[in-house]
Amino acid sequence: TALAVPDEDNCMVVYSSTQVPETCQVVIAKCLGVPEHNVRVISRRVGGGFGGKAFRSVP
């Protein structure tokens, strides 16, 4: 889950529940074709990992 908000400094501020904000910053910057310093990822403390969100587990 994420929310992306452009700001007045030509940057993208992304609020996400990720545990790896640095990796998200790199990937988002590549997808948008902007320098990494123009992407800010803000992740609140969530208390740990509670299972994957991107893929479904298959037995």
PDB file of N, CA and C in Angstrom:
ATOM      1  N   THR A   1       0.846  -1.171   0.000  1.00  0.00           N
ATOM      2  CA  THR A   1       0.000   0.000   0.000  1.00  0.00           C
ATOM      3  C   THR A   1       0.891   1.232   0.000  1.00  0.00           C
ATOM      4  N   ALA A   2       0.554   2.179  -0.862  1.00  0.00           N
ATOM      5  CA  ALA A   2       1.367   3.394  -0.940  1.00  0.00           C
ATOM      6  C   ALA A   2       0.526   4.562  -1.439  1.00  0.00           C
ATOM      7  N   LEU A   3       0.993   5.758  -1.107  1.00  0.00           N
ATOM      8  CA  LEU A   3       0.394   6.999  -1.585  1.00  0.00           C
ATOM      9  C   LEU A   3       1.528   7.874  -2.087  1.00  0.00           C
ATOM     10  N   ALA A   4       1.445   8.333  -3.330  1.00  0.00           N
ATOM     11  CA  ALA A   4       2.482   9.189  -3.911  1.00  0.00           C
ATOM     12  C   ALA A   4       1.918  10.584  -4.129  1.00  0.00           C
ATOM     13  N   VAL A   5       2.664  11.595  -3.663  1.00  0.00           N
ATOM     14  CA  VAL A   5       2.220  12.979  -3.750  1.00  0.00           C
ATOM     15  C   VAL A   5       3.350  13.832  -4.324  1.00  0.00           C
ATOM     16  N   PRO A   6       3.129  14.468  -5.480  1.00  0.00           N
ATOM     17  CA  PRO A   6       4.159  15.379  -5.991  1.00  0.00           C
ATOM     18  C   PRO A   6       4.184  16.640  -5.134  1.00  0.00           C
ATOM     19  N   ASP A   7       5.386  17.183  -4.903  1.00  0.00           N
ATOM     20  CA  ASP A   7       5.466  18.416  -4.129  1.00  0.00           C
ATOM     21  C   ASP A   7       5.922  19.580  -4.997  1.00  0.00           C
ATOM     22  N   GLU A   8       6.008  20.748  -4.410  1.00  0.00           N
ATOM     23  CA  GLU A   8       6.313  21.967  -5.163  1.00  0.00           C
ATOM     24  C   GLU A   8       7.772  22.056  -5.592  1.00  0.00           C
ATOM     25  N   ASP A   9       8.632  21.174  -5.086  1.00  0.00           N
ATOM     26  CA  ASP A   9      10.052  21.181  -5.445  1.00  0.00           C
ATOM     27  C   ASP A   9      10.378  20.190  -6.552  1.00  0.00           C
ATOM     28  N   ASN A  10       9.359  19.753  -7.309  1.00  0.00           N
ATOM     29  CA  ASN A  10       9.537  18.792  -8.397  1.00  0.00           C
ATOM     30  C   ASN A  10      10.015  17.436  -7.874  1.00  0.00           C
ATOM     31  N   CYS A  11       9.594  17.091  -6.671  1.00  0.00           N
ATOM     32  CA  CYS A  11       9.934  15.804  -6.070  1.00  0.00           C
ATOM     33  C   CYS A  11       8.659  14.992  -5.872  1.00  0.00           C
ATOM     34  N   MET A  12       8.820  13.682  -5.749  1.00  0.00           N
ATOM     35  CA  MET A  12       7.704  12.795  -5.461  1.00  0.00           C
ATOM     36  C   MET A  12       7.887  12.281  -4.040  1.00  0.00           C
ATOM     37  N   VAL A  13       6.886  12.492  -3.214  1.00  0.00           N
ATOM     38  CA  VAL A  13       6.915  12.006  -1.839  1.00  0.00           C
ATOM     39  C   VAL A  13       6.003  10.788  -1.782  1.00  0.00           C
ATOM     40  N   VAL A  14       6.566   9.655  -1.368  1.00  0.00           N
ATOM     41  CA  VAL A  14       5.824   8.398  -1.348  1.00  0.00           C
ATOM     42  C   VAL A  14       5.700   7.922   0.095  1.00  0.00           C
ATOM     43  N   TYR A  15       4.471   7.731   0.543  1.00  0.00           N
ATOM     44  CA  TYR A  15       4.197   7.177   1.863  1.00  0.00           C
ATOM     45  C   TYR A  15       3.877   5.703   1.652  1.00  0.00           C
ATOM     46  N   SER A  16       4.647   4.819   2.285  1.00  0.00           N
ATOM     47  CA  SER A  16       4.494   3.391   2.031  1.00  0.00           C
ATOM     48  C   SER A  16       4.724   2.588   3.301  1.00  0.00           C
ATOM     49  N   SER A  17       4.149   1.399   3.348  1.00  0.00           N
ATOM     50  CA  SER A  17       4.349   0.508   4.491  1.00  0.00           C
ATOM     51  C   SER A  17       5.522  -0.442   4.256  1.00  0.00           C
ATOM     52  N   THR A  18       6.431  -0.068   3.394  1.00  0.00           N
ATOM     53  CA  THR A  18       7.563  -0.921   3.043  1.00  0.00           C
ATOM     54  C   THR A  18       8.579  -1.057   4.171  1.00  0.00           C
ATOM     55  N   GLN A  19       9.314  -2.163   4.148  1.00  0.00           N
ATOM     56  CA  GLN A  19      10.423  -2.348   5.080  1.00  0.00           C
ATOM     57  C   GLN A  19      11.745  -1.967   4.430  1.00  0.00           C
ATOM     58  N   VAL A  20      11.733  -1.654   3.145  1.00  0.00           N
ATOM     59  CA  VAL A  20      12.959  -1.308   2.412  1.00  0.00           C
ATOM     60  C   VAL A  20      12.764  -0.003   1.633  1.00  0.00           C
ATOM     61  N   PRO A  21      12.678   1.132   2.342  1.00  0.00           N
ATOM     62  CA  PRO A  21      12.428   2.400   1.657  1.00  0.00           C
ATOM     63  C   PRO A  21      13.524   2.786   0.670  1.00  0.00           C
ATOM     64  N   GLU A  22      14.766   2.385   0.942  1.00  0.00           N
ATOM     65  CA  GLU A  22      15.860   2.731   0.029  1.00  0.00           C
ATOM     66  C   GLU A  22      15.677   2.049  -1.320  1.00  0.00           C
ATOM     67  N   THR A  23      15.297   0.782  -1.305  1.00  0.00           N
ATOM     68  CA  THR A  23      15.057   0.052  -2.551  1.00  0.00           C
ATOM     69  C   THR A  23      13.875   0.648  -3.297  1.00  0.00           C
ATOM     70  N   CYS A  24      12.824   0.991  -2.581  1.00  0.00           N
ATOM     71  CA  CYS A  24      11.662   1.620  -3.220  1.00  0.00           C
ATOM     72  C   CYS A  24      12.053   2.928  -3.883  1.00  0.00           C
ATOM     73  N   GLN A  25      12.895   3.709  -3.233  1.00  0.00           N
ATOM     74  CA  GLN A  25      13.338   4.986  -3.790  1.00  0.00           C
ATOM     75  C   GLN A  25      14.042   4.766  -5.128  1.00  0.00           C
ATOM     76  N   VAL A  26      14.934   3.786  -5.192  1.00  0.00           N
ATOM     77  CA  VAL A  26      15.677   3.495  -6.419  1.00  0.00           C
ATOM     78  C   VAL A  26      14.732   3.056  -7.535  1.00  0.00           C
ATOM     79  N   VAL A  27      13.821   2.140  -7.229  1.00  0.00           N
ATOM     80  CA  VAL A  27      12.903   1.610  -8.242  1.00  0.00           C
ATOM     81  C   VAL A  27      11.949   2.689  -8.736  1.00  0.00           C
ATOM     82  N   ILE A  28      11.398   3.477  -7.833  1.00  0.00           N
ATOM     83  CA  ILE A  28      10.465   4.541  -8.225  1.00  0.00           C
ATOM     84  C   ILE A  28      11.168   5.571  -9.093  1.00  0.00           C
ATOM     85  N   ALA A  29      12.381   5.948  -8.719  1.00  0.00           N
ATOM     86  CA  ALA A  29      13.143   6.919  -9.515  1.00  0.00           C
ATOM     87  C   ALA A  29      13.388   6.396 -10.928  1.00  0.00           C
ATOM     88  N   LYS A  30      13.755   5.113 -11.045  1.00  0.00           N
ATOM     89  CA  LYS A  30      13.973   4.525 -12.372  1.00  0.00           C
ATOM     90  C   LYS A  30      12.687   4.519 -13.188  1.00  0.00           C
ATOM     91  N   CYS A  31      11.582   4.143 -12.574  1.00  0.00           N
ATOM     92  CA  CYS A  31      10.293   4.100 -13.282  1.00  0.00           C
ATOM     93  C   CYS A  31       9.860   5.481 -13.758  1.00  0.00           C
ATOM     94  N   LEU A  32      10.121   6.496 -12.955  1.00  0.00           N
ATOM     95  CA  LEU A  32       9.717   7.858 -13.310  1.00  0.00           C
ATOM     96  C   LEU A  32      10.747   8.564 -14.179  1.00  0.00           C
ATOM     97  N   GLY A  33      11.953   7.995 -14.272  1.00  0.00           N
ATOM     98  CA  GLY A  33      13.014   8.626 -15.057  1.00  0.00           C
ATOM     99  C   GLY A  33      13.534   9.903 -14.428  1.00  0.00           C
ATOM    100  N   VAL A  34      13.590   9.909 -13.101  1.00  0.00           N
ATOM    101  CA  VAL A  34      14.086  11.084 -12.373  1.00  0.00           C
ATOM    102  C   VAL A  34      15.243  10.657 -11.472  1.00  0.00           C
ATOM    103  N   PRO A  35      16.082  11.601 -11.028  1.00  0.00           N
ATOM    104  CA  PRO A  35      17.160  11.256 -10.097  1.00  0.00           C
ATOM    105  C   PRO A  35      16.592  10.766  -8.760  1.00  0.00           C
ATOM    106  N   GLU A  36      17.344   9.906  -8.102  1.00  0.00           N
ATOM    107  CA  GLU A  36      16.892   9.356  -6.822  1.00  0.00           C
ATOM    108  C   GLU A  36      16.634  10.439  -5.783  1.00  0.00           C
ATOM    109  N   HIS A  37      17.395  11.535  -5.821  1.00  0.00           N
ATOM    110  CA  HIS A  37      17.186  12.584  -4.814  1.00  0.00           C
ATOM    111  C   HIS A  37      15.868  13.336  -5.025  1.00  0.00           C
ATOM    112  N   ASN A  38      15.167  13.061  -6.127  1.00  0.00           N
ATOM    113  CA  ASN A  38      13.852  13.666  -6.358  1.00  0.00           C
ATOM    114  C   ASN A  38      12.712  12.770  -5.881  1.00  0.00           C
ATOM    115  N   VAL A  39      13.056  11.664  -5.245  1.00  0.00           N
ATOM    116  CA  VAL A  39      12.046  10.749  -4.700  1.00  0.00           C
ATOM    117  C   VAL A  39      12.316  10.584  -3.212  1.00  0.00           C
ATOM    118  N   ARG A  40      11.295  10.832  -2.415  1.00  0.00           N
ATOM    119  CA  ARG A  40      11.412  10.669  -0.962  1.00  0.00           C
ATOM    120  C   ARG A  40      10.405   9.617  -0.519  1.00  0.00           C
ATOM    121  N   VAL A  41      10.871   8.565   0.122  1.00  0.00           N
ATOM    122  CA  VAL A  41       9.985   7.502   0.597  1.00  0.00           C
ATOM    123  C   VAL A  41       9.898   7.595   2.114  1.00  0.00           C
ATOM    124  N   ILE A  42       8.685   7.707   2.607  1.00  0.00           N
ATOM    125  CA  ILE A  42       8.446   7.804   4.045  1.00  0.00           C
ATOM    126  C   ILE A  42       7.733   6.536   4.489  1.00  0.00           C
ATOM    127  N   SER A  43       8.344   5.840   5.435  1.00  0.00           N
ATOM    128  CA  SER A  43       7.782   4.594   5.940  1.00  0.00           C
ATOM    129  C   SER A  43       7.671   4.687   7.457  1.00  0.00           C
ATOM    130  N   ARG A  44       6.496   4.515   7.960  1.00  0.00           N
ATOM    131  CA  ARG A  44       6.285   4.536   9.410  1.00  0.00           C
ATOM    132  C   ARG A  44       6.735   3.211  10.006  1.00  0.00           C
ATOM    133  N   ARG A  45       7.064   3.239  11.271  1.00  0.00           N
ATOM    134  CA  ARG A  45       7.398   1.986  11.950  1.00  0.00           C
ATOM    135  C   ARG A  45       6.140   1.136  12.038  1.00  0.00           C
ATOM    136  N   VAL A  46       6.243  -0.096  11.586  1.00  0.00           N
ATOM    137  CA  VAL A  46       5.065  -0.957  11.583  1.00  0.00           C
ATOM    138  C   VAL A  46       5.195  -2.144  12.526  1.00  0.00           C
ATOM    139  N   GLY A  47       6.355  -2.353  13.116  1.00  0.00           N
ATOM    140  CA  GLY A  47       6.486  -3.393  14.113  1.00  0.00           C
ATOM    141  C   GLY A  47       7.011  -4.729  13.620  1.00  0.00           C
ATOM    142  N   GLY A  48       7.324  -4.861  12.356  1.00  0.00           N
ATOM    143  CA  GLY A  48       7.891  -6.116  11.867  1.00  0.00           C
ATOM    144  C   GLY A  48       7.221  -6.588  10.598  1.00  0.00           C
ATOM    145  N   GLY A  49       7.656  -7.745  10.128  1.00  0.00           N
ATOM    146  CA  GLY A  49       7.115  -8.304   8.885  1.00  0.00           C
ATOM    147  C   GLY A  49       5.911  -9.180   9.176  1.00  0.00           C
ATOM    148  N   PHE A  50       4.875  -8.989   8.415  1.00  0.00           N
ATOM    149  CA  PHE A  50       3.645  -9.744   8.624  1.00  0.00           C
ATOM    150  C   PHE A  50       3.238 -10.493   7.364  1.00  0.00           C
ATOM    151  N   GLY A  51       4.225 -10.921   6.576  1.00  0.00           N
ATOM    152  CA  GLY A  51       3.918 -11.658   5.355  1.00  0.00           C
ATOM    153  C   GLY A  51       4.006 -10.770   4.137  1.00  0.00           C
ATOM    154  N   GLY A  52       4.156 -11.412   2.997  1.00  0.00           N
ATOM    155  CA  GLY A  52       4.312 -10.680   1.747  1.00  0.00           C
ATOM    156  C   GLY A  52       3.025 -10.053   1.261  1.00  0.00           C
ATOM    157  N   LYS A  53       3.171  -8.950   0.527  1.00  0.00           N
ATOM    158  CA  LYS A  53       2.019  -8.279  -0.064  1.00  0.00           C
ATOM    159  C   LYS A  53       2.043  -8.375  -1.583  1.00  0.00           C
ATOM    160  N   ALA A  54       3.232  -8.608  -2.154  1.00  0.00           N
ATOM    161  CA  ALA A  54       3.368  -8.564  -3.603  1.00  0.00           C
ATOM    162  C   ALA A  54       2.973  -9.877  -4.267  1.00  0.00           C
ATOM    163  N   PHE A  55       3.234 -10.993  -3.612  1.00  0.00           N
ATOM    164  CA  PHE A  55       2.982 -12.289  -4.231  1.00  0.00           C
ATOM    165  C   PHE A  55       2.153 -13.162  -3.312  1.00  0.00           C
ATOM    166  N   ARG A  56       1.384 -14.010  -3.919  1.00  0.00           N
ATOM    167  CA  ARG A  56       0.595 -14.959  -3.171  1.00  0.00           C
ATOM    168  C   ARG A  56       1.419 -16.204  -2.888  1.00  0.00           C
ATOM    169  N   SER A  57       1.330 -16.721  -1.704  1.00  0.00           N
ATOM    170  CA  SER A  57       2.043 -17.954  -1.372  1.00  0.00           C
ATOM    171  C   SER A  57       1.350 -19.136  -2.031  1.00  0.00           C
ATOM    172  N   VAL A  58       2.159 -19.998  -2.618  1.00  0.00           N
ATOM    173  CA  VAL A  58       1.620 -21.196  -3.264  1.00  0.00           C
ATOM    174  C   VAL A  58       2.244 -22.404  -2.584  1.00  0.00           C
ATOM    175  N   PRO A  59       1.408 -23.329  -2.089  1.00  0.00           N
ATOM    176  CA  PRO A  59       1.967 -24.501  -1.392  1.00  0.00           C
ATOM    177  C   PRO A  59       2.757 -25.408  -2.319  1.00  0.00           C
TER     178      PRO A  59
END
